[in-house]
Amino acid sequence: MIDLDDTDRAILRALAEDAAQGAGAIGRGLGLSQPAAWRRIRRLEEAGVLRGRRLVLDTAALGFGVTVFLGIKLAAKGRVSLEDFERAATAIPEVQTVQHVLGLFDYRLRIIARDIADFERVLRRRIMTLPGIGQIEANVLLSEERRPGPLG
C-alpha cells in the first residue's frame, strides 16, 4: 500500500476527470513542473494505484439508449461451472460487465441495448440461453452519476 499525500490525491482527481491529459497539463494545474508530475504519475502506476486509462464511450450517442442491470441466480450450482457461465456471458456483445457477486444473486450483468424491444430480444435469445440460468431480475438504469471514488 502506498502512502498518498494531497498532491497525489489531486493528481488522481485530475486523471479521474480527464485521463487523456498529460503530465504537463496536470502539473500546470497543481503548480508542479511537467517532470515532477510525470514522476508522481509513474510512481502511482508502479504502486498499482493507477492501472491504465480507459476510454469512456457515450453509449446513447452510439445508439444504445437502454442500460439494464441483471441479477442472475444460477439454477443449479455445480452442474454448470462458473467459468462456463462467465465465458458464455462475456461472449454476448451487449453484455458490458459480468460481476460475480455475493448475495441474493450469483452474478450481476450490465447490458446495453438500443431500446426496450432490443433488450427483450437480447434477453430471450441470448441471456435466457446461457448455461445454468435460473432466476433473473432486471433493473433499468434511469440515470447515472459517476464519481471518482474516495480520494479525499
N, C-alpha and C. Protein backbone atom coordinates (compact mmCIF):
# COMPACT_ATOMS: atom_id res chain seq x y z
N MET A 1 0.84 -1.19 0.00
CA MET A 1 0.00 0.00 0.00
C MET A 1 0.89 1.25 0.00
N ILE A 2 0.54 2.20 -0.80
CA ILE A 2 1.32 3.44 -0.93
C ILE A 2 0.69 4.52 -0.05
N ASP A 3 1.52 5.36 0.52
CA ASP A 3 1.05 6.47 1.34
C ASP A 3 0.83 7.66 0.41
N LEU A 4 -0.43 8.08 0.23
CA LEU A 4 -0.76 9.18 -0.67
C LEU A 4 -0.78 10.50 0.07
N ASP A 5 -0.20 11.53 -0.54
CA ASP A 5 -0.30 12.87 0.03
C ASP A 5 -1.36 13.65 -0.75
N ASP A 6 -1.55 14.91 -0.38
CA ASP A 6 -2.59 15.73 -1.02
C ASP A 6 -2.33 15.92 -2.51
N THR A 7 -1.06 16.04 -2.90
CA THR A 7 -0.72 16.21 -4.31
C THR A 7 -1.06 14.94 -5.10
N ASP A 8 -0.75 13.77 -4.52
CA ASP A 8 -1.11 12.51 -5.19
C ASP A 8 -2.62 12.44 -5.40
N ARG A 9 -3.37 12.79 -4.36
CA ARG A 9 -4.84 12.76 -4.47
C ARG A 9 -5.34 13.75 -5.53
N ALA A 10 -4.72 14.91 -5.60
CA ALA A 10 -5.10 15.89 -6.61
C ALA A 10 -4.80 15.36 -8.01
N ILE A 11 -3.69 14.69 -8.18
CA ILE A 11 -3.36 14.08 -9.47
C ILE A 11 -4.39 13.02 -9.83
N LEU A 12 -4.76 12.19 -8.88
CA LEU A 12 -5.76 11.15 -9.14
C LEU A 12 -7.11 11.77 -9.50
N ARG A 13 -7.51 12.85 -8.81
CA ARG A 13 -8.77 13.52 -9.15
C ARG A 13 -8.71 14.09 -10.57
N ALA A 14 -7.57 14.69 -10.93
CA ALA A 14 -7.41 15.26 -12.27
C ALA A 14 -7.50 14.17 -13.34
N LEU A 15 -6.86 13.03 -13.09
CA LEU A 15 -6.91 11.93 -14.06
C LEU A 15 -8.29 11.29 -14.11
N ALA A 16 -8.99 11.24 -12.98
CA ALA A 16 -10.34 10.68 -12.97
C ALA A 16 -11.28 11.56 -13.79
N GLU A 17 -11.03 12.87 -13.78
CA GLU A 17 -11.84 13.80 -14.54
C GLU A 17 -11.54 13.71 -16.04
N ASP A 18 -10.25 13.60 -16.38
CA ASP A 18 -9.84 13.52 -17.79
C ASP A 18 -8.52 12.75 -17.86
N ALA A 19 -8.61 11.47 -18.13
CA ALA A 19 -7.43 10.61 -18.16
C ALA A 19 -6.54 10.87 -19.36
N ALA A 20 -7.01 11.63 -20.34
CA ALA A 20 -6.22 11.89 -21.53
C ALA A 20 -5.22 13.03 -21.34
N GLN A 21 -5.38 13.81 -20.28
CA GLN A 21 -4.46 14.94 -20.10
C GLN A 21 -3.07 14.45 -19.71
N GLY A 22 -2.10 15.15 -20.17
CA GLY A 22 -0.71 14.76 -19.92
C GLY A 22 -0.17 15.31 -18.62
N ALA A 23 1.04 14.90 -18.30
CA ALA A 23 1.70 15.33 -17.07
C ALA A 23 1.92 16.84 -17.06
N GLY A 24 2.15 17.44 -18.21
CA GLY A 24 2.35 18.89 -18.28
C GLY A 24 1.11 19.64 -17.85
N ALA A 25 -0.05 19.24 -18.38
CA ALA A 25 -1.31 19.90 -18.03
C ALA A 25 -1.64 19.69 -16.56
N ILE A 26 -1.43 18.48 -16.08
CA ILE A 26 -1.70 18.19 -14.67
C ILE A 26 -0.76 19.01 -13.79
N GLY A 27 0.51 19.04 -14.15
CA GLY A 27 1.48 19.82 -13.39
C GLY A 27 1.12 21.29 -13.33
N ARG A 28 0.73 21.87 -14.48
CA ARG A 28 0.35 23.29 -14.51
C ARG A 28 -0.83 23.55 -13.58
N GLY A 29 -1.79 22.64 -13.57
CA GLY A 29 -2.96 22.80 -12.72
C GLY A 29 -2.65 22.70 -11.23
N LEU A 30 -1.55 22.04 -10.90
CA LEU A 30 -1.20 21.82 -9.49
C LEU A 30 0.03 22.59 -9.05
N GLY A 31 0.61 23.36 -9.95
CA GLY A 31 1.81 24.12 -9.59
C GLY A 31 3.06 23.26 -9.55
N LEU A 32 3.08 22.18 -10.34
CA LEU A 32 4.25 21.30 -10.44
C LEU A 32 4.86 21.42 -11.83
N SER A 33 6.12 21.10 -11.94
CA SER A 33 6.73 21.02 -13.26
C SER A 33 6.23 19.74 -13.95
N GLN A 34 6.37 19.70 -15.27
CA GLN A 34 5.96 18.51 -16.01
C GLN A 34 6.74 17.28 -15.54
N PRO A 35 8.07 17.36 -15.36
CA PRO A 35 8.81 16.18 -14.89
C PRO A 35 8.37 15.72 -13.49
N ALA A 36 8.09 16.67 -12.60
CA ALA A 36 7.66 16.29 -11.24
C ALA A 36 6.30 15.60 -11.29
N ALA A 37 5.37 16.12 -12.10
CA ALA A 37 4.05 15.49 -12.24
C ALA A 37 4.20 14.11 -12.87
N TRP A 38 5.05 14.00 -13.89
CA TRP A 38 5.27 12.72 -14.56
C TRP A 38 5.82 11.68 -13.58
N ARG A 39 6.81 12.09 -12.75
CA ARG A 39 7.39 11.17 -11.76
C ARG A 39 6.34 10.68 -10.78
N ARG A 40 5.48 11.56 -10.34
CA ARG A 40 4.43 11.16 -9.40
C ARG A 40 3.43 10.21 -10.06
N ILE A 41 3.05 10.50 -11.30
CA ILE A 41 2.12 9.62 -12.02
C ILE A 41 2.76 8.25 -12.21
N ARG A 42 4.01 8.25 -12.58
CA ARG A 42 4.75 6.99 -12.78
C ARG A 42 4.81 6.18 -11.47
N ARG A 43 5.06 6.86 -10.35
CA ARG A 43 5.11 6.20 -9.04
C ARG A 43 3.75 5.59 -8.70
N LEU A 44 2.66 6.31 -9.02
CA LEU A 44 1.30 5.79 -8.77
C LEU A 44 1.03 4.56 -9.64
N GLU A 45 1.53 4.59 -10.87
CA GLU A 45 1.37 3.42 -11.75
C GLU A 45 2.17 2.24 -11.22
N GLU A 46 3.41 2.47 -10.84
CA GLU A 46 4.26 1.38 -10.35
C GLU A 46 3.73 0.78 -9.05
N ALA A 47 3.06 1.60 -8.24
CA ALA A 47 2.49 1.11 -6.98
C ALA A 47 1.17 0.38 -7.21
N GLY A 48 0.65 0.43 -8.43
CA GLY A 48 -0.60 -0.26 -8.74
C GLY A 48 -1.84 0.56 -8.43
N VAL A 49 -1.67 1.82 -8.04
CA VAL A 49 -2.81 2.69 -7.77
C VAL A 49 -3.50 3.05 -9.09
N LEU A 50 -2.70 3.34 -10.11
CA LEU A 50 -3.21 3.58 -11.47
C LEU A 50 -2.97 2.30 -12.28
N ARG A 51 -4.05 1.74 -12.80
CA ARG A 51 -3.92 0.52 -13.58
C ARG A 51 -4.43 0.76 -15.00
N GLY A 52 -3.92 1.74 -15.64
CA GLY A 52 -4.31 2.04 -17.01
C GLY A 52 -5.31 3.17 -17.07
N ARG A 53 -5.59 3.59 -18.27
CA ARG A 53 -6.55 4.66 -18.52
C ARG A 53 -7.54 4.15 -19.54
N ARG A 54 -8.80 4.40 -19.28
CA ARG A 54 -9.85 3.84 -20.13
C ARG A 54 -10.58 4.93 -20.90
N LEU A 55 -11.00 4.55 -22.07
CA LEU A 55 -11.84 5.40 -22.88
C LEU A 55 -13.29 5.14 -22.48
N VAL A 56 -14.06 6.18 -22.21
CA VAL A 56 -15.46 6.02 -21.85
C VAL A 56 -16.30 6.41 -23.06
N LEU A 57 -17.04 5.45 -23.57
CA LEU A 57 -17.90 5.70 -24.73
C LEU A 57 -19.27 6.18 -24.27
N ASP A 58 -19.86 7.08 -25.01
CA ASP A 58 -21.22 7.52 -24.75
C ASP A 58 -22.14 6.56 -25.51
N THR A 59 -22.63 5.56 -24.80
CA THR A 59 -23.43 4.51 -25.46
C THR A 59 -24.71 5.08 -26.08
N ALA A 60 -25.31 6.09 -25.45
CA ALA A 60 -26.53 6.69 -26.02
C ALA A 60 -26.22 7.35 -27.37
N ALA A 61 -25.07 8.03 -27.45
CA ALA A 61 -24.68 8.67 -28.71
C ALA A 61 -24.40 7.64 -29.80
N LEU A 62 -24.06 6.41 -29.39
CA LEU A 62 -23.82 5.33 -30.35
C LEU A 62 -25.09 4.55 -30.69
N GLY A 63 -26.23 5.01 -30.14
CA GLY A 63 -27.50 4.37 -30.46
C GLY A 63 -27.96 3.33 -29.45
N PHE A 64 -27.27 3.21 -28.33
CA PHE A 64 -27.68 2.26 -27.29
C PHE A 64 -28.26 3.07 -26.13
N GLY A 65 -29.58 3.29 -26.18
CA GLY A 65 -30.25 4.17 -25.23
C GLY A 65 -30.73 3.52 -23.96
N VAL A 66 -30.61 2.20 -23.86
CA VAL A 66 -31.11 1.49 -22.68
C VAL A 66 -29.98 0.70 -22.03
N THR A 67 -29.84 0.88 -20.72
CA THR A 67 -28.90 0.08 -19.93
C THR A 67 -29.72 -0.67 -18.88
N VAL A 68 -29.46 -1.96 -18.79
CA VAL A 68 -30.20 -2.80 -17.83
C VAL A 68 -29.19 -3.58 -17.00
N PHE A 69 -29.42 -3.62 -15.70
CA PHE A 69 -28.62 -4.46 -14.82
C PHE A 69 -29.44 -5.71 -14.54
N LEU A 70 -28.82 -6.86 -14.76
CA LEU A 70 -29.50 -8.13 -14.50
C LEU A 70 -28.86 -8.80 -13.29
N GLY A 71 -29.69 -9.22 -12.35
CA GLY A 71 -29.25 -10.09 -11.28
C GLY A 71 -29.57 -11.50 -11.73
N ILE A 72 -28.59 -12.38 -11.73
CA ILE A 72 -28.80 -13.75 -12.21
C ILE A 72 -28.41 -14.74 -11.12
N LYS A 73 -29.35 -15.61 -10.82
CA LYS A 73 -29.10 -16.71 -9.90
C LYS A 73 -29.04 -17.98 -10.74
N LEU A 74 -27.93 -18.70 -10.62
CA LEU A 74 -27.80 -19.94 -11.38
C LEU A 74 -28.77 -20.98 -10.84
N ALA A 75 -29.31 -21.79 -11.76
CA ALA A 75 -30.32 -22.79 -11.39
C ALA A 75 -29.73 -23.87 -10.51
N ALA A 76 -28.61 -24.39 -10.90
CA ALA A 76 -28.00 -25.49 -10.15
C ALA A 76 -26.50 -25.32 -10.13
N LYS A 77 -26.02 -24.75 -9.04
CA LYS A 77 -24.57 -24.61 -8.91
C LYS A 77 -23.96 -26.00 -8.87
N GLY A 78 -22.87 -26.17 -9.55
CA GLY A 78 -22.23 -27.48 -9.59
C GLY A 78 -22.48 -28.18 -10.91
N ARG A 79 -23.67 -28.03 -11.48
CA ARG A 79 -23.95 -28.63 -12.79
C ARG A 79 -23.25 -27.85 -13.90
N VAL A 80 -23.17 -26.55 -13.72
CA VAL A 80 -22.51 -25.69 -14.70
C VAL A 80 -21.38 -24.99 -13.97
N SER A 81 -20.20 -25.03 -14.55
CA SER A 81 -19.08 -24.35 -13.89
C SER A 81 -19.25 -22.84 -14.04
N LEU A 82 -18.78 -22.13 -13.05
CA LEU A 82 -18.85 -20.68 -13.10
C LEU A 82 -18.08 -20.15 -14.30
N GLU A 83 -16.98 -20.80 -14.62
CA GLU A 83 -16.17 -20.37 -15.76
C GLU A 83 -16.95 -20.52 -17.07
N ASP A 84 -17.74 -21.61 -17.20
CA ASP A 84 -18.54 -21.79 -18.42
C ASP A 84 -19.59 -20.69 -18.54
N PHE A 85 -20.25 -20.37 -17.43
CA PHE A 85 -21.24 -19.30 -17.45
C PHE A 85 -20.58 -17.97 -17.81
N GLU A 86 -19.47 -17.65 -17.16
CA GLU A 86 -18.78 -16.38 -17.41
C GLU A 86 -18.30 -16.27 -18.85
N ARG A 87 -17.75 -17.36 -19.37
CA ARG A 87 -17.26 -17.36 -20.75
C ARG A 87 -18.42 -17.12 -21.73
N ALA A 88 -19.55 -17.78 -21.50
CA ALA A 88 -20.71 -17.61 -22.39
C ALA A 88 -21.30 -16.21 -22.26
N ALA A 89 -21.36 -15.68 -21.04
CA ALA A 89 -21.94 -14.34 -20.84
C ALA A 89 -21.07 -13.27 -21.47
N THR A 90 -19.76 -13.37 -21.33
CA THR A 90 -18.87 -12.34 -21.88
C THR A 90 -18.79 -12.41 -23.40
N ALA A 91 -19.26 -13.49 -24.00
CA ALA A 91 -19.27 -13.60 -25.46
C ALA A 91 -20.44 -12.85 -26.09
N ILE A 92 -21.39 -12.41 -25.28
CA ILE A 92 -22.55 -11.66 -25.79
C ILE A 92 -22.14 -10.20 -25.94
N PRO A 93 -22.20 -9.65 -27.15
CA PRO A 93 -21.71 -8.27 -27.37
C PRO A 93 -22.40 -7.21 -26.52
N GLU A 94 -23.67 -7.39 -26.21
CA GLU A 94 -24.41 -6.39 -25.44
C GLU A 94 -24.07 -6.41 -23.95
N VAL A 95 -23.40 -7.46 -23.51
CA VAL A 95 -23.01 -7.56 -22.10
C VAL A 95 -21.74 -6.75 -21.89
N GLN A 96 -21.84 -5.70 -21.10
CA GLN A 96 -20.71 -4.81 -20.85
C GLN A 96 -19.85 -5.26 -19.68
N THR A 97 -20.48 -5.78 -18.64
CA THR A 97 -19.74 -6.29 -17.49
C THR A 97 -20.41 -7.54 -16.95
N VAL A 98 -19.58 -8.44 -16.44
CA VAL A 98 -20.04 -9.64 -15.76
C VAL A 98 -19.38 -9.63 -14.39
N GLN A 99 -20.19 -9.52 -13.35
CA GLN A 99 -19.66 -9.44 -11.99
C GLN A 99 -20.16 -10.63 -11.18
N HIS A 100 -19.25 -11.40 -10.61
CA HIS A 100 -19.59 -12.49 -9.70
C HIS A 100 -19.78 -11.85 -8.33
N VAL A 101 -20.97 -11.96 -7.75
CA VAL A 101 -21.29 -11.23 -6.53
C VAL A 101 -21.77 -12.15 -5.42
N LEU A 102 -21.74 -11.64 -4.23
CA LEU A 102 -22.23 -12.34 -3.05
C LEU A 102 -23.57 -11.74 -2.68
N GLY A 103 -24.55 -12.58 -2.42
CA GLY A 103 -25.87 -12.07 -2.03
C GLY A 103 -26.96 -12.92 -2.64
N LEU A 104 -28.11 -12.29 -2.89
CA LEU A 104 -29.26 -13.00 -3.42
C LEU A 104 -28.97 -13.61 -4.79
N PHE A 105 -28.22 -12.90 -5.61
CA PHE A 105 -27.88 -13.38 -6.94
C PHE A 105 -26.42 -13.81 -7.00
N ASP A 106 -26.10 -14.64 -7.98
CA ASP A 106 -24.73 -15.11 -8.18
C ASP A 106 -23.95 -14.16 -9.07
N TYR A 107 -24.64 -13.53 -10.01
CA TYR A 107 -24.00 -12.63 -10.98
C TYR A 107 -24.81 -11.38 -11.17
N ARG A 108 -24.11 -10.33 -11.58
CA ARG A 108 -24.74 -9.08 -11.98
C ARG A 108 -24.15 -8.73 -13.33
N LEU A 109 -25.00 -8.54 -14.31
CA LEU A 109 -24.58 -8.20 -15.66
C LEU A 109 -25.07 -6.80 -16.01
N ARG A 110 -24.24 -6.05 -16.71
CA ARG A 110 -24.65 -4.75 -17.25
C ARG A 110 -24.83 -4.95 -18.74
N ILE A 111 -26.05 -4.70 -19.21
CA ILE A 111 -26.42 -4.92 -20.62
C ILE A 111 -26.77 -3.57 -21.25
N ILE A 112 -26.31 -3.36 -22.48
CA ILE A 112 -26.78 -2.19 -23.23
C ILE A 112 -27.59 -2.68 -24.42
N ALA A 113 -28.61 -1.89 -24.76
CA ALA A 113 -29.48 -2.23 -25.89
C ALA A 113 -29.95 -0.94 -26.55
N ARG A 114 -30.40 -1.06 -27.77
CA ARG A 114 -30.86 0.12 -28.50
C ARG A 114 -32.13 0.69 -27.88
N ASP A 115 -33.03 -0.19 -27.47
CA ASP A 115 -34.28 0.20 -26.85
C ASP A 115 -34.82 -1.01 -26.08
N ILE A 116 -36.00 -0.88 -25.50
CA ILE A 116 -36.55 -1.98 -24.69
C ILE A 116 -36.83 -3.21 -25.56
N ALA A 117 -37.31 -3.01 -26.78
CA ALA A 117 -37.56 -4.15 -27.68
C ALA A 117 -36.26 -4.88 -27.98
N ASP A 118 -35.20 -4.14 -28.20
CA ASP A 118 -33.88 -4.75 -28.44
C ASP A 118 -33.41 -5.49 -27.20
N PHE A 119 -33.62 -4.90 -26.01
CA PHE A 119 -33.25 -5.60 -24.77
C PHE A 119 -34.03 -6.91 -24.64
N GLU A 120 -35.32 -6.87 -24.96
CA GLU A 120 -36.13 -8.10 -24.86
C GLU A 120 -35.58 -9.18 -25.80
N ARG A 121 -35.16 -8.79 -26.99
CA ARG A 121 -34.55 -9.74 -27.92
C ARG A 121 -33.28 -10.35 -27.33
N VAL A 122 -32.41 -9.49 -26.77
CA VAL A 122 -31.17 -9.97 -26.15
C VAL A 122 -31.49 -10.91 -24.99
N LEU A 123 -32.47 -10.53 -24.18
CA LEU A 123 -32.85 -11.35 -23.03
C LEU A 123 -33.34 -12.72 -23.48
N ARG A 124 -34.27 -12.76 -24.43
CA ARG A 124 -34.86 -14.04 -24.87
C ARG A 124 -33.88 -14.91 -25.65
N ARG A 125 -33.15 -14.31 -26.56
CA ARG A 125 -32.30 -15.11 -27.46
C ARG A 125 -30.91 -15.39 -26.93
N ARG A 126 -30.40 -14.54 -26.05
CA ARG A 126 -29.02 -14.71 -25.61
C ARG A 126 -28.90 -14.99 -24.12
N ILE A 127 -29.50 -14.15 -23.29
CA ILE A 127 -29.35 -14.32 -21.84
C ILE A 127 -30.05 -15.58 -21.36
N MET A 128 -31.28 -15.80 -21.79
CA MET A 128 -32.06 -16.95 -21.32
C MET A 128 -31.48 -18.28 -21.79
N THR A 129 -30.57 -18.24 -22.75
CA THR A 129 -29.95 -19.48 -23.24
C THR A 129 -28.58 -19.74 -22.61
N LEU A 130 -28.16 -18.88 -21.70
CA LEU A 130 -26.87 -19.09 -21.03
C LEU A 130 -26.92 -20.36 -20.19
N PRO A 131 -25.80 -21.06 -20.08
CA PRO A 131 -25.79 -22.29 -19.30
C PRO A 131 -26.05 -22.03 -17.81
N GLY A 132 -26.98 -22.79 -17.25
CA GLY A 132 -27.25 -22.73 -15.82
C GLY A 132 -28.16 -21.62 -15.37
N ILE A 133 -28.77 -20.89 -16.31
CA ILE A 133 -29.63 -19.76 -15.94
C ILE A 133 -30.79 -20.24 -15.07
N GLY A 134 -31.02 -19.51 -13.99
CA GLY A 134 -32.15 -19.77 -13.11
C GLY A 134 -33.00 -18.52 -13.02
N GLN A 135 -32.99 -17.89 -11.87
CA GLN A 135 -33.78 -16.69 -11.64
C GLN A 135 -33.06 -15.46 -12.19
N ILE A 136 -33.85 -14.54 -12.78
CA ILE A 136 -33.31 -13.29 -13.32
C ILE A 136 -34.14 -12.13 -12.79
N GLU A 137 -33.45 -11.06 -12.41
CA GLU A 137 -34.14 -9.82 -12.04
C GLU A 137 -33.51 -8.70 -12.86
N ALA A 138 -34.35 -7.89 -13.48
CA ALA A 138 -33.86 -6.80 -14.32
C ALA A 138 -34.16 -5.45 -13.69
N ASN A 139 -33.18 -4.55 -13.74
CA ASN A 139 -33.34 -3.17 -13.29
C ASN A 139 -32.86 -2.27 -14.42
N VAL A 140 -33.76 -1.42 -14.92
CA VAL A 140 -33.42 -0.50 -15.99
C VAL A 140 -32.80 0.76 -15.39
N LEU A 141 -31.67 1.16 -15.94
CA LEU A 141 -30.97 2.35 -15.47
C LEU A 141 -31.74 3.59 -15.93
N LEU A 142 -32.08 4.46 -14.98
CA LEU A 142 -32.76 5.70 -15.31
C LEU A 142 -31.77 6.85 -15.44
N SER A 143 -30.81 6.93 -14.53
CA SER A 143 -29.77 7.95 -14.60
C SER A 143 -28.55 7.44 -13.86
N GLU A 144 -27.42 8.06 -14.13
CA GLU A 144 -26.17 7.62 -13.52
C GLU A 144 -25.27 8.83 -13.28
N GLU A 145 -24.67 8.86 -12.11
CA GLU A 145 -23.68 9.89 -11.80
C GLU A 145 -22.39 9.17 -11.46
N ARG A 146 -21.36 9.46 -12.19
CA ARG A 146 -20.07 8.81 -11.93
C ARG A 146 -19.25 9.67 -10.99
N ARG A 147 -18.66 9.03 -10.00
CA ARG A 147 -17.83 9.70 -9.01
C ARG A 147 -16.42 9.11 -9.06
N PRO A 148 -15.41 9.91 -8.77
CA PRO A 148 -14.04 9.40 -8.83
C PRO A 148 -13.68 8.44 -7.70
N GLY A 149 -14.50 8.36 -6.68
CA GLY A 149 -14.21 7.46 -5.57
C GLY A 149 -13.68 8.21 -4.37
N PRO A 150 -13.26 7.46 -3.36
CA PRO A 150 -12.86 8.09 -2.08
C PRO A 150 -11.43 8.65 -2.13
N LEU A 151 -11.25 9.75 -2.80
CA LEU A 151 -9.92 10.33 -2.94
C LEU A 151 -9.65 11.43 -1.91
N GLY A 152 -10.61 11.69 -1.07
CA GLY A 152 -10.39 12.69 -0.01
C GLY A 152 -10.57 14.10 -0.42
